[in-house]
Amino acid sequence: MARSRNVVDLATIEARREALKAELAHLDEQAKAAEQTARDAGRPVLTAALERVKIAAIDKADARAIATAISKHGGKAVASQLASLG
């Protein structure tokens, strides 16, 4: 009888393992979505600020370089460097 209980326990363990794997996969998806949202959280603030100032012509490469710098170094670091230009 101990042997049959062992088989039931193994089946229960396997079922629980599969349920946990599914739950972890769902959590991974949620974490990825949250990371994406966090990485883009500053966009509305930057867009609102840009709408309030006049901006001279700028080519696409320069705009992309500025956006990449903000993404890579953060808004505070880029703003500090731009402020030092005076």
Protein backbone atom coordinates (compact mmCIF):
# COMPACT_ATOMS: atom_id res chain seq x y z
CA MET A 1 0.00 0.00 0.00
CA ALA A 2 2.89 2.38 0.65
CA ARG A 3 3.91 1.93 -2.95
CA SER A 4 0.53 2.99 -4.33
CA ARG A 5 0.50 6.06 -2.04
CA ASN A 6 3.95 6.92 -3.42
CA VAL A 7 2.58 6.82 -6.98
CA VAL A 8 -0.33 9.05 -6.02
CA ASP A 9 2.07 11.43 -4.32
CA LEU A 10 4.27 11.54 -7.42
CA ALA A 11 1.26 12.25 -9.62
CA THR A 12 0.16 14.99 -7.24
CA ILE A 13 3.65 16.43 -7.23
CA GLU A 14 3.81 16.41 -11.03
CA ALA A 15 0.41 18.08 -11.29
CA ARG A 16 1.43 20.74 -8.78
CA ARG A 17 4.74 21.26 -10.61
CA GLU A 18 2.90 21.88 -13.88
CA ALA A 19 0.52 24.30 -12.17
CA LEU A 20 3.47 26.18 -10.69
CA LYS A 21 5.22 26.30 -14.07
CA ALA A 22 2.09 27.81 -15.61
CA GLU A 23 1.86 30.33 -12.76
CA LEU A 24 5.54 31.26 -13.18
CA ALA A 25 5.06 31.73 -16.91
CA HIS A 26 2.12 34.04 -16.20
CA LEU A 27 4.20 35.98 -13.65
CA ASP A 28 7.03 36.28 -16.18
CA GLU A 29 4.60 37.78 -18.70
CA GLN A 30 3.32 40.23 -16.09
CA ALA A 31 6.86 41.22 -15.11
CA LYS A 32 7.81 41.78 -18.75
CA ALA A 33 4.75 43.99 -19.28
CA ALA A 34 5.53 45.94 -16.10
CA GLU A 35 9.15 46.43 -17.22
CA GLN A 36 8.00 47.69 -20.62
CA THR A 37 5.60 50.12 -18.95
CA ALA A 38 8.28 51.34 -16.54
CA ARG A 39 10.77 51.85 -19.36
CA ASP A 40 8.30 54.09 -21.18
CA ALA A 41 6.84 55.87 -18.13
CA GLY A 42 8.61 59.16 -18.89
CA ARG A 43 7.27 59.54 -22.41
CA PRO A 44 4.09 61.51 -21.50
CA VAL A 45 6.08 63.92 -19.32
CA LEU A 46 8.70 64.51 -22.00
CA THR A 47 6.09 64.89 -24.72
CA ALA A 48 4.16 67.43 -22.63
CA ALA A 49 7.36 69.41 -22.00
CA LEU A 50 8.30 69.34 -25.68
CA GLU A 51 4.85 70.63 -26.64
CA ARG A 52 5.40 73.71 -24.47
CA VAL A 53 8.63 74.89 -26.10
CA LYS A 54 9.65 75.92 -29.59
CA ILE A 55 12.10 73.51 -31.16
CA ALA A 56 14.21 74.43 -34.17
CA ALA A 57 14.57 71.99 -37.04
CA ILE A 58 16.31 68.79 -36.02
CA ASP A 59 17.17 65.82 -38.16
CA LYS A 60 15.98 62.33 -37.39
CA ALA A 61 19.43 61.04 -36.39
CA ASP A 62 19.89 63.79 -33.79
CA ALA A 63 16.41 63.22 -32.38
CA ARG A 64 17.10 59.51 -32.14
CA ALA A 65 20.48 60.14 -30.47
CA ILE A 66 18.80 62.31 -27.83
CA ALA A 67 16.08 59.72 -27.24
CA THR A 68 18.66 56.94 -27.01
CA ALA A 69 20.71 58.94 -24.51
CA ILE A 70 17.63 59.45 -22.34
CA SER A 71 16.81 55.76 -22.55
CA LYS A 72 20.37 54.68 -21.76
CA HIS A 73 21.43 57.26 -19.16
CA GLY A 74 18.14 58.53 -17.78
CA GLY A 75 16.47 61.90 -17.99
CA LYS A 76 18.33 63.41 -15.05
CA ALA A 77 21.79 62.68 -16.49
CA VAL A 78 20.85 63.96 -19.95
CA ALA A 79 19.20 67.08 -18.52
CA SER A 80 22.32 67.76 -16.45
CA GLN A 81 24.56 67.47 -19.51
CA LEU A 82 22.26 69.69 -21.55
CA ALA A 83 22.13 72.28 -18.75
CA SER A 84 25.93 72.41 -18.77
CA LEU A 85 25.79 73.59 -22.39
CA GLY A 86 24.38 76.81 -20.96
